[in-house]
PDB file of all heavy atoms in Angstrom:
ATOM      1  N   ALA A   1     -71.860  71.976  98.317  1.00  0.00           N
ATOM      2  CA  ALA A   1     -71.153  72.292  99.561  1.00  0.00           C
ATOM      3  C   ALA A   1     -70.873  71.028 100.330  1.00  0.00           C
ATOM      4  O   ALA A   1     -69.834  70.839 100.950  1.00  0.00           O
ATOM      5  CB  ALA A   1     -71.858  73.371 100.367  1.00  0.00           C
ATOM      6  N   ALA A   2     -71.906  70.128 100.399  1.00  0.00           N
ATOM      7  CA  ALA A   2     -71.683  68.801 101.120  1.00  0.00           C
ATOM      8  C   ALA A   2     -70.572  67.992 100.434  1.00  0.00           C
ATOM      9  O   ALA A   2     -69.765  67.398 101.206  1.00  0.00           O
ATOM     10  CB  ALA A   2     -72.972  68.006 100.995  1.00  0.00           C
ATOM     11  N   LEU A   3     -70.516  67.987  99.132  1.00  0.00           N
ATOM     12  CA  LEU A   3     -69.368  67.152  98.452  1.00  0.00           C
ATOM     13  C   LEU A   3     -68.128  67.894  98.651  1.00  0.00           C
ATOM     14  O   LEU A   3     -67.149  67.240  99.016  1.00  0.00           O
ATOM     15  CB  LEU A   3     -69.622  67.242  96.941  1.00  0.00           C
ATOM     16  CG  LEU A   3     -70.575  66.200  96.339  1.00  0.00           C
ATOM     17  CD1 LEU A   3     -71.022  66.503  94.975  1.00  0.00           C
ATOM     18  CD2 LEU A   3     -70.082  64.739  96.497  1.00  0.00           C
ATOM     19  N   GLY A   4     -68.038  69.144  98.658  1.00  0.00           N
ATOM     20  CA  GLY A   4     -66.785  69.950  98.991  1.00  0.00           C
ATOM     21  C   GLY A   4     -66.280  69.717 100.425  1.00  0.00           C
ATOM     22  O   GLY A   4     -65.135  69.472 100.688  1.00  0.00           O
ATOM     23  N   ALA A   5     -67.209  69.806 101.378  1.00  0.00           N
ATOM     24  CA  ALA A   5     -66.958  69.611 102.685  1.00  0.00           C
ATOM     25  C   ALA A   5     -66.364  68.217 103.054  1.00  0.00           C
ATOM     26  O   ALA A   5     -65.458  67.950 103.792  1.00  0.00           O
ATOM     27  CB  ALA A   5     -68.044  69.891 103.590  1.00  0.00           C
ATOM     28  N   THR A   6     -67.027  67.286 102.446  1.00  0.00           N
ATOM     29  CA  THR A   6     -66.564  65.792 102.495  1.00  0.00           C
ATOM     30  C   THR A   6     -65.211  65.599 101.970  1.00  0.00           C
ATOM     31  O   THR A   6     -64.449  64.853 102.578  1.00  0.00           O
ATOM     32  CB  THR A   6     -67.555  64.873 101.786  1.00  0.00           C
ATOM     33  OG1 THR A   6     -68.991  65.090 102.477  1.00  0.00           O
ATOM     34  CG2 THR A   6     -67.276  63.410 102.063  1.00  0.00           C
ATOM     35  N   THR A   7     -64.970  66.282 100.813  1.00  0.00           N
ATOM     36  CA  THR A   7     -63.674  66.213 100.191  1.00  0.00           C
ATOM     37  C   THR A   7     -62.526  66.779 101.114  1.00  0.00           C
ATOM     38  O   THR A   7     -61.408  66.141 101.319  1.00  0.00           O
ATOM     39  CB  THR A   7     -63.575  66.798  98.842  1.00  0.00           C
ATOM     40  OG1 THR A   7     -64.661  66.254  98.044  1.00  0.00           O
ATOM     41  CG2 THR A   7     -62.413  66.711  98.203  1.00  0.00           C
ATOM     42  N   VAL A   8     -62.824  67.950 101.682  1.00  0.00           N
ATOM     43  CA  VAL A   8     -61.904  68.514 102.532  1.00  0.00           C
ATOM     44  C   VAL A   8     -61.585  67.758 103.843  1.00  0.00           C
ATOM     45  O   VAL A   8     -60.559  67.617 104.226  1.00  0.00           O
ATOM     46  CB  VAL A   8     -62.348  70.082 102.949  1.00  0.00           C
ATOM     47  CG1 VAL A   8     -61.570  70.696 103.964  1.00  0.00           C
ATOM     48  CG2 VAL A   8     -62.348  70.828 101.647  1.00  0.00           C
ATOM     49  N   VAL A   9     -62.687  67.208 104.416  1.00  0.00           N
ATOM     50  CA  VAL A   9     -62.530  66.381 105.597  1.00  0.00           C
ATOM     51  C   VAL A   9     -61.653  65.109 105.405  1.00  0.00           C
ATOM     52  O   VAL A   9     -60.728  64.719 106.048  1.00  0.00           O
ATOM     53  CB  VAL A   9     -63.897  65.991 106.209  1.00  0.00           C
ATOM     54  CG1 VAL A   9     -63.800  64.955 107.319  1.00  0.00           C
ATOM     55  CG2 VAL A   9     -64.399  67.255 106.831  1.00  0.00           C
ATOM     56  N   LEU A  10     -61.990  64.514 104.264  1.00  0.00           N
ATOM     57  CA  LEU A  10     -61.122  63.320 103.912  1.00  0.00           C
ATOM     58  C   LEU A  10     -59.544  63.628 103.674  1.00  0.00           C
ATOM     59  O   LEU A  10     -58.817  62.902 104.004  1.00  0.00           O
ATOM     60  CB  LEU A  10     -61.745  62.725 102.579  1.00  0.00           C
ATOM     61  CG  LEU A  10     -62.930  61.823 102.755  1.00  0.00           C
ATOM     62  CD1 LEU A  10     -63.440  61.365 101.460  1.00  0.00           C
ATOM     63  CD2 LEU A  10     -62.693  60.665 103.752  1.00  0.00           C
ATOM     64  N   ALA A  11     -59.421  64.799 102.902  1.00  0.00           N
ATOM     65  CA  ALA A  11     -57.985  65.230 102.717  1.00  0.00           C
ATOM     66  C   ALA A  11     -57.403  65.531 103.891  1.00  0.00           C
ATOM     67  O   ALA A  11     -56.204  65.165 104.203  1.00  0.00           O
ATOM     68  CB  ALA A  11     -57.975  66.425 101.681  1.00  0.00           C
ATOM     69  N   LEU A  12     -57.939  66.271 104.825  1.00  0.00           N
ATOM     70  CA  LEU A  12     -57.336  66.682 106.153  1.00  0.00           C
ATOM     71  C   LEU A  12     -57.159  65.427 107.066  1.00  0.00           C
ATOM     72  O   LEU A  12     -56.117  65.375 107.727  1.00  0.00           O
ATOM     73  CB  LEU A  12     -58.137  67.751 106.802  1.00  0.00           C
ATOM     74  CG  LEU A  12     -58.170  69.120 106.095  1.00  0.00           C
ATOM     75  CD1 LEU A  12     -59.117  70.067 106.905  1.00  0.00           C
ATOM     76  CD2 LEU A  12     -56.740  69.686 106.100  1.00  0.00           C
ATOM     77  N   ALA A  13     -58.163  64.506 107.082  1.00  0.00           N
ATOM     78  CA  ALA A  13     -57.903  63.294 107.821  1.00  0.00           C
ATOM     79  C   ALA A  13     -56.731  62.542 107.400  1.00  0.00           C
ATOM     80  O   ALA A  13     -56.020  61.948 108.211  1.00  0.00           O
ATOM     81  CB  ALA A  13     -59.164  62.468 107.879  1.00  0.00           C
ATOM     82  N   ALA A  14     -56.562  62.437 106.200  1.00  0.00           N
ATOM     83  CA  ALA A  14     -55.278  61.620 105.684  1.00  0.00           C
ATOM     84  C   ALA A  14     -54.113  62.345 105.912  1.00  0.00           C
ATOM     85  O   ALA A  14     -53.067  61.820 106.075  1.00  0.00           O
ATOM     86  CB  ALA A  14     -55.562  61.415 104.092  1.00  0.00           C
ATOM     87  N   GLN A  15     -54.011  63.706 105.875  1.00  0.00           N
ATOM     88  CA  GLN A  15     -52.800  64.487 106.089  1.00  0.00           C
ATOM     89  C   GLN A  15     -52.486  64.517 107.573  1.00  0.00           C
ATOM     90  O   GLN A  15     -51.273  64.427 107.843  1.00  0.00           O
ATOM     91  CB  GLN A  15     -53.005  65.957 105.623  1.00  0.00           C
ATOM     92  CG  GLN A  15     -51.817  66.725 105.712  1.00  0.00           C
ATOM     93  CD  GLN A  15     -51.999  68.208 105.145  1.00  0.00           C
ATOM     94  OE1 GLN A  15     -53.132  68.478 104.657  1.00  0.00           O
ATOM     95  NE2 GLN A  15     -50.935  68.955 105.151  1.00  0.00           N
ATOM     96  N   PHE A  16     -53.468  64.706 108.408  1.00  0.00           N
ATOM     97  CA  PHE A  16     -53.108  64.730 109.842  1.00  0.00           C
ATOM     98  C   PHE A  16     -53.501  63.515 110.631  1.00  0.00           C
ATOM     99  O   PHE A  16     -53.817  63.629 111.818  1.00  0.00           O
ATOM    100  CB  PHE A  16     -53.868  65.889 110.441  1.00  0.00           C
ATOM    101  CG  PHE A  16     -53.390  67.259 109.882  1.00  0.00           C
ATOM    102  CD1 PHE A  16     -54.335  68.063 109.172  1.00  0.00           C
ATOM    103  CD2 PHE A  16     -52.107  67.766 110.112  1.00  0.00           C
ATOM    104  CE1 PHE A  16     -53.952  69.199 108.611  1.00  0.00           C
ATOM    105  CE2 PHE A  16     -51.794  68.991 109.519  1.00  0.00           C
ATOM    106  CZ  PHE A  16     -52.645  69.710 108.894  1.00  0.00           C
ATOM    107  N   SER A  17     -53.272  62.414 109.998  1.00  0.00           N
ATOM    108  CA  SER A  17     -53.405  61.035 110.771  1.00  0.00           C
ATOM    109  C   SER A  17     -52.465  61.033 111.846  1.00  0.00           C
ATOM    110  O   SER A  17     -51.242  61.379 111.639  1.00  0.00           O
ATOM    111  CB  SER A  17     -53.470  59.932 109.894  1.00  0.00           C
ATOM    112  OG  SER A  17     -52.277  59.792 109.226  1.00  0.00           O
ATOM    113  N   PRO A  18     -52.701  60.630 113.071  1.00  0.00           N
ATOM    114  CA  PRO A  18     -51.760  60.702 114.271  1.00  0.00           C
ATOM    115  C   PRO A  18     -50.593  59.768 114.132  1.00  0.00           C
ATOM    116  O   PRO A  18     -50.815  58.576 113.747  1.00  0.00           O
ATOM    117  CB  PRO A  18     -52.522  60.336 115.397  1.00  0.00           C
ATOM    118  CG  PRO A  18     -53.740  59.528 114.955  1.00  0.00           C
ATOM    119  CD  PRO A  18     -54.002  60.040 113.451  1.00  0.00           C
ATOM    120  N   ARG A  19     -49.470  60.276 114.312  1.00  0.00           N
ATOM    121  CA  ARG A  19     -48.062  59.381 114.443  1.00  0.00           C
ATOM    122  C   ARG A  19     -47.979  58.518 113.227  1.00  0.00           C
ATOM    123  O   ARG A  19     -47.605  57.379 113.473  1.00  0.00           O
ATOM    124  CB  ARG A  19     -48.049  58.760 115.735  1.00  0.00           C
ATOM    125  CG  ARG A  19     -47.916  59.737 116.790  1.00  0.00           C
ATOM    126  CD  ARG A  19     -47.636  58.979 118.095  1.00  0.00           C
ATOM    127  NE  ARG A  19     -46.433  58.252 118.007  1.00  0.00           N
ATOM    128  CZ  ARG A  19     -46.102  57.388 118.948  1.00  0.00           C
ATOM    129  NH1 ARG A  19     -46.776  57.161 120.020  1.00  0.00           N
ATOM    130  NH2 ARG A  19     -45.001  56.676 118.751  1.00  0.00           N
ATOM    131  N   ARG A  20     -48.267  58.913 112.082  1.00  0.00           N
ATOM    132  CA  ARG A  20     -48.171  58.015 110.835  1.00  0.00           C
ATOM    133  C   ARG A  20     -46.699  57.607 110.474  1.00  0.00           C
ATOM    134  O   ARG A  20     -46.561  56.692 109.821  1.00  0.00           O
ATOM    135  CB  ARG A  20     -48.971  58.542 109.705  1.00  0.00           C
ATOM    136  CG  ARG A  20     -48.490  59.843 109.189  1.00  0.00           C
ATOM    137  CD  ARG A  20     -49.270  60.182 107.952  1.00  0.00           C
ATOM    138  NE  ARG A  20     -48.737  61.276 107.289  1.00  0.00           N
ATOM    139  CZ  ARG A  20     -49.071  62.467 107.235  1.00  0.00           C
ATOM    140  NH1 ARG A  20     -50.145  62.815 108.001  1.00  0.00           N
ATOM    141  NH2 ARG A  20     -48.470  63.479 106.570  1.00  0.00           N
ATOM    142  N   ASP A  21     -45.774  58.513 110.882  1.00  0.00           N
ATOM    143  CA  ASP A  21     -44.453  58.152 110.665  1.00  0.00           C
ATOM    144  C   ASP A  21     -43.689  57.362 111.651  1.00  0.00           C
ATOM    145  O   ASP A  21     -42.498  57.042 111.462  1.00  0.00           O
ATOM    146  CB  ASP A  21     -43.759  59.385 110.159  1.00  0.00           C
ATOM    147  CG  ASP A  21     -43.720  60.417 111.338  1.00  0.00           C
ATOM    148  OD1 ASP A  21     -44.320  60.155 112.315  1.00  0.00           O
ATOM    149  OD2 ASP A  21     -42.981  61.489 111.153  1.00  0.00           O
ATOM    150  N   GLY A  22     -44.272  57.265 112.796  1.00  0.00           N
ATOM    151  CA  GLY A  22     -43.678  56.421 113.907  1.00  0.00           C
ATOM    152  C   GLY A  22     -42.656  57.371 114.761  1.00  0.00           C
ATOM    153  O   GLY A  22     -42.078  56.633 115.656  1.00  0.00           O
ATOM    154  N   VAL A  23     -42.551  58.534 114.422  1.00  0.00           N
ATOM    155  CA  VAL A  23     -41.748  59.418 115.256  1.00  0.00           C
ATOM    156  C   VAL A  23     -42.359  60.068 116.300  1.00  0.00           C
ATOM    157  O   VAL A  23     -43.362  60.753 116.047  1.00  0.00           O
ATOM    158  CB  VAL A  23     -40.944  60.296 114.273  1.00  0.00           C
ATOM    159  CG1 VAL A  23     -40.056  61.282 115.139  1.00  0.00           C
ATOM    160  CG2 VAL A  23     -40.247  59.594 113.274  1.00  0.00           C
ATOM    161  N   ARG A  24     -41.870  60.037 117.426  1.00  0.00           N
ATOM    162  CA  ARG A  24     -42.555  60.722 118.565  1.00  0.00           C
ATOM    163  C   ARG A  24     -42.302  62.243 118.481  1.00  0.00           C
ATOM    164  O   ARG A  24     -41.141  62.473 118.215  1.00  0.00           O
ATOM    165  CB  ARG A  24     -42.063  60.185 119.914  1.00  0.00           C
ATOM    166  CG  ARG A  24     -42.564  58.816 120.271  1.00  0.00           C
ATOM    167  CD  ARG A  24     -42.123  58.406 121.613  1.00  0.00           C
ATOM    168  NE  ARG A  24     -42.497  56.976 121.908  1.00  0.00           N
ATOM    169  CZ  ARG A  24     -42.139  56.304 122.888  1.00  0.00           C
ATOM    170  NH1 ARG A  24     -41.442  56.895 123.773  1.00  0.00           N
ATOM    171  NH2 ARG A  24     -42.524  55.044 123.008  1.00  0.00           N
ATOM    172  N   PRO A  25     -43.154  63.075 118.805  1.00  0.00           N
ATOM    173  CA  PRO A  25     -43.003  64.458 118.751  1.00  0.00           C
ATOM    174  C   PRO A  25     -42.070  64.839 119.839  1.00  0.00           C
ATOM    175  O   PRO A  25     -41.952  64.270 120.958  1.00  0.00           O
ATOM    176  CB  PRO A  25     -44.378  65.025 118.913  1.00  0.00           C
ATOM    177  CG  PRO A  25     -45.177  63.994 119.536  1.00  0.00           C
ATOM    178  CD  PRO A  25     -44.587  62.655 119.081  1.00  0.00           C
ATOM    179  N   ARG A  26     -41.301  65.989 119.678  1.00  0.00           N
ATOM    180  CA  ARG A  26     -40.363  66.463 120.766  1.00  0.00           C
ATOM    181  C   ARG A  26     -41.224  67.024 121.865  1.00  0.00           C
ATOM    182  O   ARG A  26     -42.186  67.677 121.592  1.00  0.00           O
ATOM    183  CB  ARG A  26     -39.396  67.456 120.196  1.00  0.00           C
ATOM    184  CG  ARG A  26     -38.391  66.770 119.380  1.00  0.00           C
ATOM    185  CD  ARG A  26     -37.369  67.983 119.189  1.00  0.00           C
ATOM    186  NE  ARG A  26     -36.220  67.429 118.405  1.00  0.00           N
ATOM    187  CZ  ARG A  26     -35.231  68.186 117.925  1.00  0.00           C
ATOM    188  NH1 ARG A  26     -35.363  69.449 117.948  1.00  0.00           N
ATOM    189  NH2 ARG A  26     -34.194  67.552 117.315  1.00  0.00           N
ATOM    190  N   ARG A  27     -40.741  66.878 123.119  1.00  0.00           N
ATOM    191  CA  ARG A  27     -41.308  67.489 124.195  1.00  0.00           C
ATOM    192  C   ARG A  27     -40.853  68.950 124.229  1.00  0.00           C
ATOM    193  O   ARG A  27     -39.755  69.196 124.083  1.00  0.00           O
ATOM    194  CB  ARG A  27     -40.854  66.799 125.409  1.00  0.00           C
ATOM    195  CG  ARG A  27     -41.513  65.451 125.564  1.00  0.00           C
ATOM    196  CD  ARG A  27     -41.092  64.730 126.771  1.00  0.00           C
ATOM    197  NE  ARG A  27     -41.293  65.406 128.038  1.00  0.00           N
ATOM    198  CZ  ARG A  27     -40.845  65.156 129.232  1.00  0.00           C
ATOM    199  NH1 ARG A  27     -40.076  64.093 129.268  1.00  0.00           N
ATOM    200  NH2 ARG A  27     -41.019  66.009 130.161  1.00  0.00           N
ATOM    201  N   ARG A  28     -41.848  69.692 124.543  1.00  0.00           N
ATOM    202  CA  ARG A  28     -41.563  71.166 124.591  1.00  0.00           C
ATOM    203  C   ARG A  28     -41.167  71.438 126.122  1.00  0.00           C
ATOM    204  O   ARG A  28     -41.519  70.675 126.983  1.00  0.00           O
ATOM    205  CB  ARG A  28     -42.784  71.994 124.329  1.00  0.00           C
ATOM    206  CG  ARG A  28     -43.318  71.808 123.000  1.00  0.00           C
ATOM    207  CD  ARG A  28     -42.480  72.526 121.970  1.00  0.00           C
ATOM    208  NE  ARG A  28     -43.035  72.370 120.665  1.00  0.00           N
ATOM    209  CZ  ARG A  28     -42.446  72.572 119.576  1.00  0.00           C
ATOM    210  NH1 ARG A  28     -41.168  73.039 119.569  1.00  0.00           N
ATOM    211  NH2 ARG A  28     -42.966  72.375 118.526  1.00  0.00           N
ATOM    212  N   GLY A  29     -40.380  72.527 126.241  1.00  0.00           N
ATOM    213  CA  GLY A  29     -39.924  72.849 127.585  1.00  0.00           C
ATOM    214  C   GLY A  29     -38.639  72.135 128.072  1.00  0.00           C
ATOM    215  O   GLY A  29     -38.040  71.419 127.451  1.00  0.00           O
ATOM    216  N   PHE A  30     -38.368  72.398 129.338  1.00  0.00           N
ATOM    217  CA  PHE A  30     -37.113  71.901 129.943  1.00  0.00           C
ATOM    218  C   PHE A  30     -37.358  70.566 130.594  1.00  0.00           C
ATOM    219  O   PHE A  30     -38.340  70.320 131.346  1.00  0.00           O
ATOM    220  CB  PHE A  30     -36.509  72.904 130.937  1.00  0.00           C
ATOM    221  CG  PHE A  30     -35.970  73.988 130.349  1.00  0.00           C
ATOM    222  CD1 PHE A  30     -36.616  75.250 130.458  1.00  0.00           C
ATOM    223  CD2 PHE A  30     -34.730  73.994 129.555  1.00  0.00           C
ATOM    224  CE1 PHE A  30     -36.204  76.333 129.931  1.00  0.00           C
ATOM    225  CE2 PHE A  30     -34.192  75.176 129.166  1.00  0.00           C
ATOM    226  CZ  PHE A  30     -34.934  76.437 129.263  1.00  0.00           C
ATOM    227  N   THR A  31     -36.460  69.556 130.328  1.00  0.00           N
ATOM    228  CA  THR A  31     -36.452  68.381 131.186  1.00  0.00           C
ATOM    229  C   THR A  31     -35.538  68.573 132.370  1.00  0.00           C
ATOM    230  O   THR A  31     -34.860  69.630 132.521  1.00  0.00           O
ATOM    231  CB  THR A  31     -35.873  67.109 130.388  1.00  0.00           C
ATOM    232  OG1 THR A  31     -34.526  67.532 130.014  1.00  0.00           O
ATOM    233  CG2 THR A  31     -36.730  66.913 129.119  1.00  0.00           C
TER     234      THR A  31
END
């Protein structure tokens, strides 16, 4: 379970690294 959890955390950290494509997210709501 420790090996599996470490693997999942590494995979998710790589997938959801912040602003890795350099594109700013759209603002929600009205300007």
